[in-house]
């Protein structure tokens, strides 16, 4: 099945969120249109899910804002999480009914994409009943938070590749105590080429979702 792939490069979180909403609207206008898979990387930002998350801050909110990091409320599921440089973020805009997918199966597939990508680098990651996403022991390496609007998904996954962990020390990730975070680079103990990991994520999305990607620019929305 054909799908569009849009590489947004490094994009501010709220700009990417606005673009997602436009893609959802575009997708809803015609069920036969292709699904859209967005790949990006964000400047430092904390996002809050529907369960909130401000209570999971371990530093004062003003401390965070003074360092130029936004705290953004979103409509996705889950609790607080962090996005920043060195983390691959994918936002699939998928029509679930057209793809014959349940929400649970869809989330399972997002996890499988990250598990497969980590395995490409010799990192054995798996699921944990405490929280959706993927883990290496008690350390989270990939997060998931989604929203479904009229049967079309947005938000998605975030895989830690080479990122700086300082910002994670300011929160309890996903609102859970007694857990840590890790990355592909930390687990391998080697320098990792971010661009190659991004290619691995794209390959995994194509394989697991059975999509043939056509690479398009953001302007496809105006043209369509």
N, C-alpha and C. Protein backbone atom coordinates (compact mmCIF):
# COMPACT_ATOMS: atom_id res chain seq x y z
N UNK A 1 0.84 -1.19 0.00
CA UNK A 1 0.00 0.00 0.00
C UNK A 1 0.88 1.25 0.00
N UNK A 2 0.53 2.22 -0.82
CA UNK A 2 1.31 3.44 -0.89
C UNK A 2 1.08 4.32 0.33
N UNK A 3 2.12 5.02 0.77
CA UNK A 3 1.99 6.03 1.82
C UNK A 3 2.98 7.15 1.52
N UNK A 4 2.68 8.34 2.02
CA UNK A 4 3.58 9.47 1.88
C UNK A 4 4.53 9.51 3.07
N UNK A 5 5.79 9.83 2.80
CA UNK A 5 6.79 10.03 3.85
C UNK A 5 7.27 11.47 3.76
N UNK A 6 7.17 12.19 4.88
CA UNK A 6 7.61 13.58 4.95
C UNK A 6 8.67 13.70 6.04
N UNK A 7 9.89 14.06 5.65
CA UNK A 7 10.96 14.31 6.62
C UNK A 7 10.93 15.79 6.97
N UNK A 8 10.51 16.09 8.19
CA UNK A 8 10.37 17.48 8.63
C UNK A 8 11.69 18.06 9.14
N UNK A 9 12.74 17.22 9.20
CA UNK A 9 13.99 17.69 9.76
C UNK A 9 13.82 18.03 11.23
N UNK A 10 14.57 19.02 11.71
CA UNK A 10 14.40 19.46 13.10
C UNK A 10 13.35 20.56 13.11
N UNK A 11 12.26 20.33 13.82
CA UNK A 11 11.13 21.25 13.81
C UNK A 11 10.61 21.49 15.22
N UNK A 12 10.28 22.72 15.53
CA UNK A 12 9.66 23.07 16.80
C UNK A 12 8.43 22.19 17.03
N UNK A 13 8.24 21.75 18.28
CA UNK A 13 7.15 20.82 18.58
C UNK A 13 5.79 21.35 18.17
N UNK A 14 5.51 22.61 18.51
CA UNK A 14 4.17 23.13 18.23
C UNK A 14 3.94 23.32 16.73
N UNK A 15 4.99 23.64 15.98
CA UNK A 15 4.86 23.72 14.52
C UNK A 15 4.55 22.34 13.95
N UNK A 16 5.24 21.32 14.47
CA UNK A 16 5.00 19.94 14.00
C UNK A 16 3.59 19.49 14.37
N UNK A 17 3.13 19.89 15.55
CA UNK A 17 1.78 19.53 15.96
C UNK A 17 0.74 20.15 15.04
N UNK A 18 0.95 21.41 14.70
CA UNK A 18 0.03 22.08 13.78
C UNK A 18 0.02 21.40 12.42
N UNK A 19 1.19 20.97 11.95
CA UNK A 19 1.26 20.29 10.67
C UNK A 19 0.56 18.94 10.73
N UNK A 20 0.71 18.23 11.86
CA UNK A 20 -0.02 16.97 12.02
C UNK A 20 -1.52 17.16 11.87
N UNK A 21 -2.04 18.20 12.51
CA UNK A 21 -3.49 18.43 12.45
C UNK A 21 -3.94 18.70 11.01
N UNK A 22 -3.13 19.42 10.25
CA UNK A 22 -3.46 19.65 8.84
C UNK A 22 -3.44 18.34 8.06
N UNK A 23 -2.47 17.47 8.39
CA UNK A 23 -2.40 16.17 7.71
C UNK A 23 -3.61 15.30 8.06
N UNK A 24 -4.04 15.35 9.32
CA UNK A 24 -5.23 14.58 9.72
C UNK A 24 -6.44 15.06 8.94
N UNK A 25 -6.62 16.37 8.83
CA UNK A 25 -7.75 16.91 8.08
C UNK A 25 -7.69 16.50 6.61
N UNK A 26 -6.49 16.57 6.03
CA UNK A 26 -6.30 16.17 4.63
C UNK A 26 -6.67 14.70 4.45
N UNK A 27 -6.25 13.86 5.41
CA UNK A 27 -6.51 12.42 5.32
C UNK A 27 -8.00 12.13 5.46
N UNK A 28 -8.69 12.88 6.28
CA UNK A 28 -10.11 12.64 6.52
C UNK A 28 -10.99 13.05 5.34
N UNK A 29 -10.49 13.91 4.47
CA UNK A 29 -11.29 14.39 3.36
C UNK A 29 -11.58 13.30 2.33
N UNK A 30 -10.73 12.26 2.29
CA UNK A 30 -10.92 11.20 1.29
C UNK A 30 -10.27 9.93 1.83
N UNK A 31 -11.09 8.92 2.11
CA UNK A 31 -10.58 7.68 2.68
C UNK A 31 -9.56 7.00 1.78
N UNK A 32 -9.61 7.25 0.48
CA UNK A 32 -8.70 6.60 -0.45
C UNK A 32 -7.34 7.30 -0.57
N UNK A 33 -7.20 8.43 0.08
CA UNK A 33 -5.89 9.10 0.05
C UNK A 33 -4.84 8.27 0.81
N UNK A 34 -3.56 8.45 0.48
CA UNK A 34 -2.52 7.69 1.20
C UNK A 34 -2.40 8.14 2.66
N UNK A 35 -1.98 7.22 3.52
CA UNK A 35 -1.56 7.59 4.85
C UNK A 35 -0.28 8.41 4.76
N UNK A 36 0.03 9.12 5.84
CA UNK A 36 1.19 10.01 5.86
C UNK A 36 2.04 9.64 7.08
N UNK A 37 3.34 9.49 6.87
CA UNK A 37 4.26 9.22 7.96
C UNK A 37 5.25 10.37 8.06
N UNK A 38 5.23 11.07 9.20
CA UNK A 38 6.11 12.21 9.42
C UNK A 38 7.28 11.78 10.30
N UNK A 39 8.48 12.19 9.92
CA UNK A 39 9.70 11.92 10.69
C UNK A 39 10.30 13.26 11.08
N UNK A 40 10.67 13.40 12.35
CA UNK A 40 11.21 14.69 12.79
C UNK A 40 12.10 14.52 14.01
N UNK A 41 12.63 15.64 14.45
CA UNK A 41 13.45 15.76 15.66
C UNK A 41 13.11 17.13 16.23
N UNK A 42 12.94 17.21 17.54
CA UNK A 42 12.50 18.47 18.14
C UNK A 42 13.59 19.14 18.98
N UNK A 43 13.60 20.47 19.05
CA UNK A 43 14.35 21.15 20.10
C UNK A 43 13.78 20.75 21.45
N UNK A 44 14.50 20.98 22.55
CA UNK A 44 14.03 20.53 23.87
C UNK A 44 12.63 21.03 24.21
N UNK A 45 11.77 20.10 24.64
CA UNK A 45 10.40 20.44 25.02
C UNK A 45 9.84 19.32 25.90
N UNK A 46 9.05 19.68 26.90
CA UNK A 46 8.29 18.72 27.68
C UNK A 46 6.84 18.78 27.21
N UNK A 47 6.25 17.61 27.02
CA UNK A 47 4.84 17.57 26.62
C UNK A 47 4.04 16.80 27.66
N UNK A 48 2.84 17.27 27.90
CA UNK A 48 1.94 16.67 28.87
C UNK A 48 0.82 15.94 28.13
N UNK A 49 0.54 14.70 28.53
CA UNK A 49 -0.54 13.95 27.93
C UNK A 49 -1.86 14.18 28.64
N UNK A 50 -2.86 13.38 28.28
CA UNK A 50 -4.19 13.56 28.87
C UNK A 50 -4.19 13.28 30.37
N UNK A 51 -3.25 12.47 30.84
CA UNK A 51 -3.17 12.21 32.27
C UNK A 51 -2.43 13.33 33.00
N UNK A 52 -2.03 14.34 32.27
CA UNK A 52 -1.35 15.48 32.90
C UNK A 52 0.13 15.23 33.01
N UNK A 53 0.70 15.53 34.18
CA UNK A 53 2.11 15.24 34.37
C UNK A 53 2.90 16.29 35.13
N UNK A 54 2.29 17.45 35.39
CA UNK A 54 3.05 18.47 36.12
C UNK A 54 3.50 17.97 37.50
N UNK A 55 2.73 17.07 38.08
CA UNK A 55 3.11 16.51 39.37
C UNK A 55 4.35 15.62 39.26
N UNK A 56 4.73 15.27 38.02
CA UNK A 56 5.92 14.44 37.80
C UNK A 56 7.18 15.27 37.59
N UNK A 57 7.04 16.60 37.63
CA UNK A 57 8.23 17.46 37.59
C UNK A 57 8.96 17.35 38.93
N UNK A 58 10.28 17.22 38.87
CA UNK A 58 11.07 17.16 40.11
C UNK A 58 11.86 18.45 40.32
N UNK A 59 11.67 19.41 39.44
CA UNK A 59 12.23 20.75 39.60
C UNK A 59 11.10 21.75 39.42
N UNK A 60 11.34 22.98 39.81
CA UNK A 60 10.33 24.02 39.67
C UNK A 60 10.08 24.32 38.20
N UNK A 61 8.81 24.55 37.86
CA UNK A 61 8.46 24.83 36.47
C UNK A 61 9.19 26.07 35.94
N UNK A 62 9.39 27.05 36.78
CA UNK A 62 10.10 28.26 36.35
C UNK A 62 11.55 27.96 36.02
N UNK A 63 12.14 27.01 36.74
CA UNK A 63 13.51 26.57 36.46
C UNK A 63 13.62 26.09 35.01
N UNK A 64 12.63 25.33 34.58
CA UNK A 64 12.62 24.81 33.21
C UNK A 64 12.45 25.93 32.20
N UNK A 65 11.48 26.81 32.45
CA UNK A 65 11.23 27.91 31.52
C UNK A 65 12.42 28.86 31.42
N UNK A 66 13.13 29.06 32.54
CA UNK A 66 14.30 29.93 32.51
C UNK A 66 15.41 29.38 31.63
N UNK A 67 15.37 28.11 31.34
CA UNK A 67 16.36 27.48 30.48
C UNK A 67 15.87 27.34 29.05
N UNK A 68 14.79 28.05 28.75
CA UNK A 68 14.30 28.12 27.38
C UNK A 68 13.58 26.89 26.89
N UNK A 69 13.10 26.06 27.82
CA UNK A 69 12.40 24.83 27.45
C UNK A 69 10.91 24.99 27.72
N UNK A 70 10.10 24.75 26.72
CA UNK A 70 8.65 24.88 26.86
C UNK A 70 8.04 23.66 27.52
N UNK A 71 6.89 23.86 28.16
CA UNK A 71 6.05 22.78 28.66
C UNK A 71 4.71 22.92 27.94
N UNK A 72 4.35 21.92 27.14
CA UNK A 72 3.21 22.03 26.24
C UNK A 72 2.16 20.97 26.58
N UNK A 73 0.92 21.41 26.72
CA UNK A 73 -0.19 20.49 26.91
C UNK A 73 -0.61 19.92 25.56
N UNK A 74 -0.82 18.60 25.49
CA UNK A 74 -1.23 17.98 24.24
C UNK A 74 -2.48 17.13 24.49
N UNK A 75 -3.04 16.62 23.39
CA UNK A 75 -4.23 15.77 23.48
C UNK A 75 -3.90 14.29 23.39
N UNK A 76 -2.62 13.94 23.32
CA UNK A 76 -2.24 12.53 23.23
C UNK A 76 -2.48 11.82 24.56
N UNK A 77 -2.43 10.48 24.53
CA UNK A 77 -2.51 9.72 25.76
C UNK A 77 -1.20 9.78 26.53
N UNK A 78 -1.24 9.31 27.77
CA UNK A 78 -0.03 9.22 28.56
C UNK A 78 0.19 10.40 29.47
N UNK A 79 1.40 10.45 30.03
CA UNK A 79 1.78 11.43 31.03
C UNK A 79 2.85 12.34 30.43
N UNK A 80 3.73 12.87 31.26
CA UNK A 80 4.75 13.78 30.79
C UNK A 80 5.86 13.02 30.06
N UNK A 81 6.40 13.64 29.03
CA UNK A 81 7.57 13.09 28.35
C UNK A 81 8.42 14.23 27.83
N UNK A 82 9.61 13.86 27.38
CA UNK A 82 10.57 14.85 26.89
C UNK A 82 10.93 14.53 25.45
N UNK A 83 11.01 15.57 24.63
CA UNK A 83 11.56 15.44 23.28
C UNK A 83 12.75 16.38 23.16
N UNK A 84 13.76 15.93 22.43
CA UNK A 84 14.92 16.79 22.25
C UNK A 84 15.85 16.26 21.17
N UNK A 85 16.89 17.01 20.87
CA UNK A 85 17.86 16.60 19.85
C UNK A 85 18.44 15.22 20.19
N UNK A 86 18.63 14.41 19.15
CA UNK A 86 19.13 13.06 19.35
C UNK A 86 18.05 12.03 19.57
N UNK A 87 16.80 12.44 19.40
CA UNK A 87 15.65 11.54 19.55
C UNK A 87 14.86 11.55 18.24
N UNK A 88 14.62 10.38 17.68
CA UNK A 88 13.84 10.27 16.46
C UNK A 88 12.36 10.19 16.83
N UNK A 89 11.57 11.06 16.21
CA UNK A 89 10.13 11.09 16.46
C UNK A 89 9.41 10.78 15.15
N UNK A 90 8.43 9.89 15.22
CA UNK A 90 7.63 9.55 14.05
C UNK A 90 6.16 9.76 14.38
N UNK A 91 5.47 10.45 13.47
CA UNK A 91 4.04 10.72 13.63
C UNK A 91 3.29 10.11 12.44
N UNK A 92 2.80 8.88 12.58
CA UNK A 92 2.01 8.28 11.50
C UNK A 92 0.58 8.84 11.50
N UNK A 93 0.13 9.25 10.34
CA UNK A 93 -1.26 9.69 10.13
C UNK A 93 -1.94 8.56 9.37
N UNK A 94 -2.53 7.64 10.11
CA UNK A 94 -3.02 6.37 9.55
C UNK A 94 -4.53 6.26 9.73
N UNK A 95 -5.21 5.93 8.65
CA UNK A 95 -6.66 5.68 8.70
C UNK A 95 -6.85 4.23 9.17
N UNK A 96 -7.25 4.05 10.43
CA UNK A 96 -7.28 2.72 11.01
C UNK A 96 -8.27 1.80 10.31
N UNK A 97 -9.46 2.28 10.01
CA UNK A 97 -10.45 1.42 9.35
C UNK A 97 -9.97 1.00 7.98
N UNK A 98 -9.40 1.95 7.23
CA UNK A 98 -8.89 1.63 5.89
C UNK A 98 -7.78 0.59 5.97
N UNK A 99 -7.00 0.64 7.05
CA UNK A 99 -5.90 -0.32 7.24
C UNK A 99 -6.32 -1.57 7.99
N UNK A 100 -7.59 -1.60 8.44
CA UNK A 100 -8.12 -2.74 9.19
C UNK A 100 -7.31 -3.00 10.45
N UNK A 101 -7.05 -1.93 11.18
CA UNK A 101 -6.26 -2.02 12.40
C UNK A 101 -7.08 -1.56 13.60
N UNK A 102 -6.97 -2.28 14.71
CA UNK A 102 -7.49 -1.80 15.98
C UNK A 102 -6.46 -0.86 16.59
N UNK A 103 -6.88 -0.08 17.56
CA UNK A 103 -5.94 0.82 18.24
C UNK A 103 -4.84 0.00 18.92
N UNK A 104 -5.19 -1.09 19.58
CA UNK A 104 -4.19 -1.91 20.26
C UNK A 104 -3.16 -2.46 19.28
N UNK A 105 -3.64 -2.99 18.16
CA UNK A 105 -2.72 -3.53 17.16
C UNK A 105 -1.82 -2.45 16.61
N UNK A 106 -2.38 -1.27 16.38
CA UNK A 106 -1.60 -0.15 15.90
C UNK A 106 -0.47 0.20 16.87
N UNK A 107 -0.79 0.28 18.16
CA UNK A 107 0.23 0.60 19.16
C UNK A 107 1.28 -0.51 19.23
N UNK A 108 0.84 -1.75 19.16
CA UNK A 108 1.78 -2.88 19.13
C UNK A 108 2.77 -2.72 17.97
N UNK A 109 2.27 -2.28 16.82
CA UNK A 109 3.12 -2.12 15.65
C UNK A 109 4.15 -1.00 15.84
N UNK A 110 3.72 0.09 16.49
CA UNK A 110 4.67 1.16 16.78
C UNK A 110 5.79 0.65 17.69
N UNK A 111 5.42 -0.13 18.69
CA UNK A 111 6.44 -0.71 19.56
C UNK A 111 7.37 -1.62 18.77
N UNK A 112 6.80 -2.41 17.87
CA UNK A 112 7.61 -3.35 17.10
C UNK A 112 8.61 -2.62 16.21
N UNK A 113 8.22 -1.46 15.67
CA UNK A 113 9.15 -0.66 14.88
C UNK A 113 10.38 -0.31 15.70
N UNK A 114 10.18 0.14 16.95
CA UNK A 114 11.31 0.54 17.79
C UNK A 114 12.12 -0.67 18.26
N UNK A 115 11.45 -1.76 18.59
CA UNK A 115 12.17 -2.98 18.99
C UNK A 115 13.07 -3.45 17.85
N UNK A 116 12.54 -3.43 16.63
CA UNK A 116 13.30 -3.86 15.46
C UNK A 116 14.49 -2.94 15.20
N UNK A 117 14.28 -1.63 15.33
CA UNK A 117 15.36 -0.68 15.10
C UNK A 117 16.46 -0.86 16.14
N UNK A 118 16.08 -1.00 17.41
CA UNK A 118 17.08 -1.21 18.46
C UNK A 118 17.88 -2.49 18.19
N UNK A 119 17.19 -3.54 17.74
CA UNK A 119 17.86 -4.81 17.45
C UNK A 119 18.88 -4.66 16.33
N UNK A 120 18.62 -3.74 15.38
CA UNK A 120 19.59 -3.49 14.31
C UNK A 120 20.94 -3.05 14.86
N UNK A 121 20.93 -2.51 16.09
CA UNK A 121 22.16 -2.03 16.72
C UNK A 121 22.58 -2.92 17.90
N UNK A 122 22.03 -4.12 17.93
CA UNK A 122 22.41 -5.08 18.96
C UNK A 122 21.82 -4.82 20.32
N UNK A 123 20.78 -3.98 20.38
CA UNK A 123 20.14 -3.64 21.65
C UNK A 123 18.86 -4.46 21.78
N UNK A 124 18.79 -5.26 22.83
CA UNK A 124 17.61 -6.10 23.06
C UNK A 124 16.60 -5.34 23.91
N UNK A 125 15.58 -4.82 23.28
CA UNK A 125 14.53 -4.05 23.96
C UNK A 125 13.22 -4.82 23.90
N UNK A 126 12.36 -4.55 24.87
CA UNK A 126 11.08 -5.25 24.89
C UNK A 126 9.99 -4.41 25.53
N UNK A 127 8.82 -5.00 25.66
CA UNK A 127 7.67 -4.32 26.25
C UNK A 127 7.67 -4.49 27.76
N UNK A 128 6.90 -3.64 28.43
CA UNK A 128 6.76 -3.70 29.88
C UNK A 128 5.32 -3.38 30.23
N UNK A 129 4.70 -4.21 31.06
CA UNK A 129 3.27 -4.04 31.37
C UNK A 129 2.98 -2.74 32.11
N UNK A 130 4.02 -2.09 32.68
CA UNK A 130 3.78 -0.85 33.42
C UNK A 130 3.42 0.32 32.52
N UNK A 131 3.87 0.27 31.28
CA UNK A 131 3.72 1.46 30.43
C UNK A 131 3.99 1.08 28.99
N UNK A 132 3.19 1.60 28.07
CA UNK A 132 3.45 1.34 26.66
C UNK A 132 4.76 2.02 26.26
N UNK A 133 5.37 1.49 25.21
CA UNK A 133 6.70 1.94 24.80
C UNK A 133 7.63 0.74 24.87
N UNK A 134 8.94 0.98 24.76
CA UNK A 134 9.89 -0.14 24.85
C UNK A 134 10.96 0.17 25.89
N UNK A 135 11.50 -0.93 26.45
CA UNK A 135 12.37 -0.84 27.62
C UNK A 135 13.60 -1.73 27.44
N UNK A 136 14.67 -1.33 28.10
CA UNK A 136 15.83 -2.19 28.29
C UNK A 136 15.99 -2.34 29.80
N UNK A 137 15.54 -3.46 30.33
CA UNK A 137 15.47 -3.61 31.78
C UNK A 137 14.48 -2.61 32.35
N UNK A 138 14.94 -1.83 33.35
CA UNK A 138 14.08 -0.82 33.97
C UNK A 138 14.26 0.55 33.32
N UNK A 139 14.94 0.60 32.21
CA UNK A 139 15.20 1.88 31.54
C UNK A 139 14.42 1.97 30.23
N UNK A 140 13.70 3.07 30.09
CA UNK A 140 12.89 3.26 28.90
C UNK A 140 13.74 3.83 27.77
N UNK A 141 13.61 3.23 26.59
CA UNK A 141 14.38 3.68 25.44
C UNK A 141 13.49 4.25 24.34
N UNK A 142 12.20 3.94 24.39
CA UNK A 142 11.27 4.44 23.38
C UNK A 142 9.88 4.65 23.95
N UNK A 143 9.26 5.78 23.61
CA UNK A 143 7.95 6.13 24.16
C UNK A 143 6.88 6.16 23.07
N UNK A 144 5.64 5.97 23.51
CA UNK A 144 4.50 6.05 22.60
C UNK A 144 3.39 6.86 23.26
N UNK A 145 2.79 7.73 22.49
CA UNK A 145 1.60 8.46 22.91
C UNK A 145 0.81 8.80 21.66
N UNK A 146 -0.43 8.40 21.60
CA UNK A 146 -1.19 8.60 20.37
C UNK A 146 -2.54 9.27 20.67
N UNK A 147 -3.14 9.72 19.61
CA UNK A 147 -4.52 10.24 19.63
C UNK A 147 -5.18 9.77 18.35
N UNK A 148 -6.46 9.48 18.41
CA UNK A 148 -7.22 9.07 17.23
C UNK A 148 -8.38 10.03 17.05
N UNK A 149 -8.48 10.62 15.87
CA UNK A 149 -9.56 11.56 15.57
C UNK A 149 -10.36 11.04 14.39
N UNK A 150 -11.61 10.67 14.63
CA UNK A 150 -12.48 10.13 13.57
C UNK A 150 -11.80 8.98 12.84
N UNK A 151 -11.08 8.16 13.59
CA UNK A 151 -10.46 6.97 13.01
C UNK A 151 -9.09 7.18 12.42
N UNK A 152 -8.54 8.39 12.49
CA UNK A 152 -7.21 8.68 11.95
C UNK A 152 -6.26 9.01 13.10
N UNK A 153 -5.09 8.38 13.09
CA UNK A 153 -4.13 8.53 14.17
C UNK A 153 -3.26 9.77 13.98
N UNK A 154 -2.77 10.29 15.10
CA UNK A 154 -1.67 11.25 15.07
C UNK A 154 -0.91 11.15 16.40
N UNK A 155 0.09 12.01 16.60
CA UNK A 155 1.14 11.78 17.60
C UNK A 155 1.82 10.46 17.21
N UNK A 156 2.54 9.79 18.12
CA UNK A 156 3.21 8.58 17.68
C UNK A 156 4.29 8.08 18.61
N UNK A 157 5.51 7.91 18.08
CA UNK A 157 6.60 7.30 18.84
C UNK A 157 7.80 8.22 18.92
N UNK A 158 8.64 7.98 19.94
CA UNK A 158 9.90 8.71 20.11
C UNK A 158 10.95 7.72 20.58
N UNK A 159 12.03 7.59 19.81
CA UNK A 159 13.10 6.63 20.11
C UNK A 159 14.37 7.39 20.48
N UNK A 160 14.91 7.07 21.66
CA UNK A 160 16.13 7.73 22.13
C UNK A 160 17.36 7.15 21.43
N UNK A 161 18.10 8.01 20.76
CA UNK A 161 19.25 7.54 19.97
C UNK A 161 20.56 8.06 20.56
N UNK A 162 20.74 9.39 20.55
CA UNK A 162 22.01 9.97 20.99
C UNK A 162 21.82 11.12 21.96
N UNK A 163 20.65 11.26 22.54
CA UNK A 163 20.30 12.49 23.23
C UNK A 163 21.02 12.68 24.56
N UNK A 164 21.05 13.95 25.01
CA UNK A 164 21.56 14.35 26.31
C UNK A 164 20.49 14.04 27.36
N UNK A 165 20.88 13.43 28.48
CA UNK A 165 19.90 12.98 29.47
C UNK A 165 19.62 14.01 30.55
N UNK A 166 20.24 15.18 30.51
CA UNK A 166 20.05 16.15 31.58
C UNK A 166 18.58 16.48 31.79
N UNK A 167 17.86 16.72 30.70
CA UNK A 167 16.46 17.13 30.83
C UNK A 167 15.60 16.06 31.50
N UNK A 168 15.94 14.80 31.29
CA UNK A 168 15.16 13.73 31.92
C UNK A 168 15.30 13.75 33.44
N UNK A 169 16.39 14.33 33.94
CA UNK A 169 16.58 14.39 35.39
C UNK A 169 15.63 15.39 36.03
N UNK A 170 14.92 16.17 35.24
CA UNK A 170 13.99 17.16 35.76
C UNK A 170 12.58 16.60 35.93
N UNK A 171 12.34 15.35 35.49
CA UNK A 171 11.01 14.75 35.56
C UNK A 171 11.09 13.29 36.00
N UNK A 172 9.93 12.75 36.38
CA UNK A 172 9.76 11.31 36.45
C UNK A 172 9.19 10.89 35.10
N UNK A 173 9.99 10.28 34.24
CA UNK A 173 9.51 9.97 32.88
C UNK A 173 8.21 9.17 32.90
N UNK A 174 7.24 9.65 32.14
CA UNK A 174 5.94 9.00 32.00
C UNK A 174 5.20 8.90 33.33
N UNK A 175 5.65 9.69 34.33
CA UNK A 175 4.99 9.69 35.62
C UNK A 175 5.30 8.48 36.46
N UNK A 176 6.33 7.70 36.11
CA UNK A 176 6.66 6.48 36.84
C UNK A 176 7.89 6.72 37.71
N UNK A 177 7.83 6.23 38.95
CA UNK A 177 8.98 6.34 39.83
C UNK A 177 9.82 5.07 39.75
N UNK A 178 11.09 5.20 40.04
CA UNK A 178 11.97 4.03 40.08
C UNK A 178 12.39 3.51 38.73
N UNK A 179 12.20 4.31 37.68
CA UNK A 179 12.64 3.90 36.34
C UNK A 179 13.58 4.96 35.78
N UNK A 180 14.38 4.55 34.83
CA UNK A 180 15.29 5.48 34.19
C UNK A 180 15.06 5.52 32.69
N UNK A 181 15.93 6.19 32.00
CA UNK A 181 15.87 6.24 30.55
C UNK A 181 17.24 5.86 29.99
N UNK A 182 17.23 5.42 28.78
CA UNK A 182 18.47 5.05 28.11
C UNK A 182 18.34 5.37 26.64
N UNK A 183 19.38 5.07 25.87
CA UNK A 183 19.39 5.35 24.43
C UNK A 183 20.17 4.25 23.72
N UNK A 184 20.04 4.22 22.42
CA UNK A 184 20.81 3.25 21.63
C UNK A 184 22.30 3.49 21.84
N UNK A 185 22.72 4.75 21.83
CA UNK A 185 24.15 5.05 22.00
C UNK A 185 24.63 4.61 23.38
N UNK A 186 23.86 4.88 24.42
CA UNK A 186 24.28 4.48 25.77
C UNK A 186 24.36 2.97 25.89
N UNK A 187 23.40 2.27 25.31
CA UNK A 187 23.39 0.80 25.42
C UNK A 187 24.52 0.15 24.64
N UNK A 188 24.89 0.73 23.51
CA UNK A 188 25.97 0.14 22.71
C UNK A 188 27.35 0.58 23.19
N UNK A 189 27.40 1.73 23.86
CA UNK A 189 28.70 2.25 24.29
C UNK A 189 29.53 2.76 23.13
N UNK A 190 28.87 3.04 22.01
CA UNK A 190 29.57 3.50 20.81
C UNK A 190 28.86 4.72 20.24
N UNK A 191 29.61 5.53 19.48
CA UNK A 191 28.98 6.62 18.76
C UNK A 191 28.06 6.04 17.69
N UNK A 192 26.89 6.63 17.58
CA UNK A 192 25.88 6.14 16.64
C UNK A 192 25.55 7.24 15.65
N UNK A 193 25.45 6.87 14.38
CA UNK A 193 25.09 7.82 13.32
C UNK A 193 23.57 8.01 13.33
N UNK A 194 23.13 9.19 13.76
CA UNK A 194 21.70 9.46 13.90
C UNK A 194 20.97 9.27 12.59
N UNK A 195 21.57 9.72 11.49
CA UNK A 195 20.89 9.63 10.19
C UNK A 195 20.67 8.18 9.77
N UNK A 196 21.59 7.29 10.15
CA UNK A 196 21.41 5.88 9.81
C UNK A 196 20.31 5.24 10.65
N UNK A 197 20.21 5.64 11.92
CA UNK A 197 19.13 5.12 12.76
C UNK A 197 17.78 5.60 12.22
N UNK A 198 17.75 6.84 11.75
CA UNK A 198 16.50 7.34 11.18
C UNK A 198 16.10 6.50 9.97
N UNK A 199 17.06 6.12 9.15
CA UNK A 199 16.75 5.26 8.01
C UNK A 199 16.22 3.92 8.48
N UNK A 200 16.77 3.41 9.58
CA UNK A 200 16.30 2.14 10.13
C UNK A 200 14.85 2.25 10.61
N UNK A 201 14.50 3.37 11.24
CA UNK A 201 13.12 3.58 11.69
C UNK A 201 12.18 3.65 10.49
N UNK A 202 12.57 4.38 9.46
CA UNK A 202 11.74 4.48 8.26
C UNK A 202 11.56 3.10 7.63
N UNK A 203 12.65 2.35 7.55
CA UNK A 203 12.55 0.99 6.99
C UNK A 203 11.59 0.14 7.82
N UNK A 204 11.69 0.25 9.16
CA UNK A 204 10.80 -0.52 10.02
C UNK A 204 9.34 -0.13 9.86
N UNK A 205 9.09 1.17 9.73
CA UNK A 205 7.71 1.63 9.51
C UNK A 205 7.16 1.05 8.22
N UNK A 206 7.97 1.09 7.16
CA UNK A 206 7.52 0.56 5.88
C UNK A 206 7.25 -0.93 5.94
N UNK A 207 8.15 -1.66 6.59
CA UNK A 207 8.01 -3.12 6.66
C UNK A 207 6.84 -3.54 7.54
N UNK A 208 6.76 -2.98 8.75
CA UNK A 208 5.76 -3.44 9.71
C UNK A 208 4.36 -2.97 9.33
N UNK A 209 4.27 -1.78 8.71
CA UNK A 209 2.96 -1.29 8.26
C UNK A 209 2.65 -1.68 6.82
N UNK A 210 3.57 -2.40 6.18
CA UNK A 210 3.39 -2.84 4.79
C UNK A 210 3.08 -1.66 3.88
N UNK A 211 3.97 -0.66 3.92
CA UNK A 211 3.80 0.55 3.11
C UNK A 211 4.97 0.72 2.14
N UNK A 212 4.64 1.19 0.96
CA UNK A 212 5.64 1.62 -0.01
C UNK A 212 5.66 3.15 0.04
N UNK A 213 6.76 3.72 0.52
CA UNK A 213 6.79 5.16 0.74
C UNK A 213 7.12 5.94 -0.53
N UNK A 214 6.36 7.00 -0.73
CA UNK A 214 6.69 8.04 -1.70
C UNK A 214 7.11 9.27 -0.90
N UNK A 215 8.35 9.70 -1.08
CA UNK A 215 8.86 10.85 -0.33
C UNK A 215 8.29 12.13 -0.94
N UNK A 216 7.65 12.93 -0.11
CA UNK A 216 7.03 14.17 -0.57
C UNK A 216 7.45 15.31 0.35
N UNK A 217 7.30 16.53 -0.14
CA UNK A 217 7.56 17.72 0.66
C UNK A 217 6.29 18.15 1.40
N UNK A 218 6.46 19.05 2.37
CA UNK A 218 5.30 19.52 3.13
C UNK A 218 4.25 20.17 2.23
N UNK A 219 4.69 20.68 1.11
CA UNK A 219 3.76 21.40 0.20
C UNK A 219 2.71 20.48 -0.41
N UNK A 220 2.83 19.16 -0.21
CA UNK A 220 1.84 18.26 -0.82
C UNK A 220 0.43 18.61 -0.34
N UNK A 221 0.31 19.19 0.85
CA UNK A 221 -1.02 19.54 1.37
C UNK A 221 -1.69 20.59 0.49
N UNK A 222 -0.92 21.56 0.05
CA UNK A 222 -1.49 22.60 -0.81
C UNK A 222 -1.82 22.06 -2.19
N UNK A 223 -0.96 21.13 -2.64
CA UNK A 223 -1.16 20.58 -3.99
C UNK A 223 -2.33 19.61 -4.02
N UNK A 224 -2.61 18.98 -2.85
CA UNK A 224 -3.68 17.96 -2.80
C UNK A 224 -5.03 18.53 -2.53
